[in-house]
Protein backbone atom coordinates (compact mmCIF):
# COMPACT_ATOMS: atom_id res chain seq x y z
CA MET A 1 8.08 9.01 5.03
CA ILE A 2 4.40 9.91 4.70
CA GLN A 3 2.85 9.63 1.26
CA TYR A 4 -0.64 10.75 0.28
CA VAL A 5 -2.29 8.65 -2.43
CA PRO A 6 -5.40 10.17 -3.99
CA PRO A 7 -8.63 8.10 -4.07
CA LEU A 8 -8.88 5.44 -6.80
CA SER A 9 -5.15 5.62 -7.55
CA GLU A 10 -3.22 2.46 -8.34
CA GLN A 11 -0.27 1.90 -6.02
CA PHE A 12 2.32 -0.65 -5.03
CA ILE A 13 5.18 -1.08 -2.61
CA GLU A 14 8.39 -3.00 -3.22
CA ASN A 15 11.29 -3.74 -0.91
CA THR A 16 14.44 -3.09 -2.93
CA GLY A 17 16.71 -3.20 0.13
CA THR A 18 18.20 -5.95 2.22
CA SER A 19 16.38 -5.25 5.49
CA GLU A 20 12.79 -6.02 6.48
CA LEU A 21 10.18 -3.70 5.01
CA ARG A 22 7.57 -2.38 7.42
CA PHE A 23 4.55 -0.74 5.90
CA LEU A 24 1.60 0.93 7.61
CA CYS A 25 -1.39 1.91 5.52
CA ILE A 26 -4.25 4.02 6.84
CA VAL A 27 -7.16 4.24 4.42
CA GLU A 28 -10.35 6.28 4.15
CA PRO A 29 -12.87 5.09 3.13
CA ALA A 30 -12.32 1.72 4.73
CA TRP A 31 -10.42 -0.93 2.75
CA THR A 32 -12.26 -3.96 1.40
CA VAL A 33 -10.70 -7.25 0.32
CA GLU A 34 -12.22 -6.80 -3.17
CA ASP A 35 -9.98 -3.72 -3.62
CA GLU A 36 -6.71 -5.62 -3.07
CA THR A 37 -4.43 -7.51 -5.44
CA ILE A 38 -1.34 -9.19 -4.00
CA LEU A 39 1.55 -9.93 -6.37
CA GLU A 40 4.39 -12.12 -5.19
């Protein structure tokens, strides 16, 4: 599935299944570590 997320949108991904989740994110403009929040 390909999903477009508009600039400055909040987003998250959650694995609700039983198999491994693989996620590829391509961003423009380039990602910076200051823009990321990881919740576990």
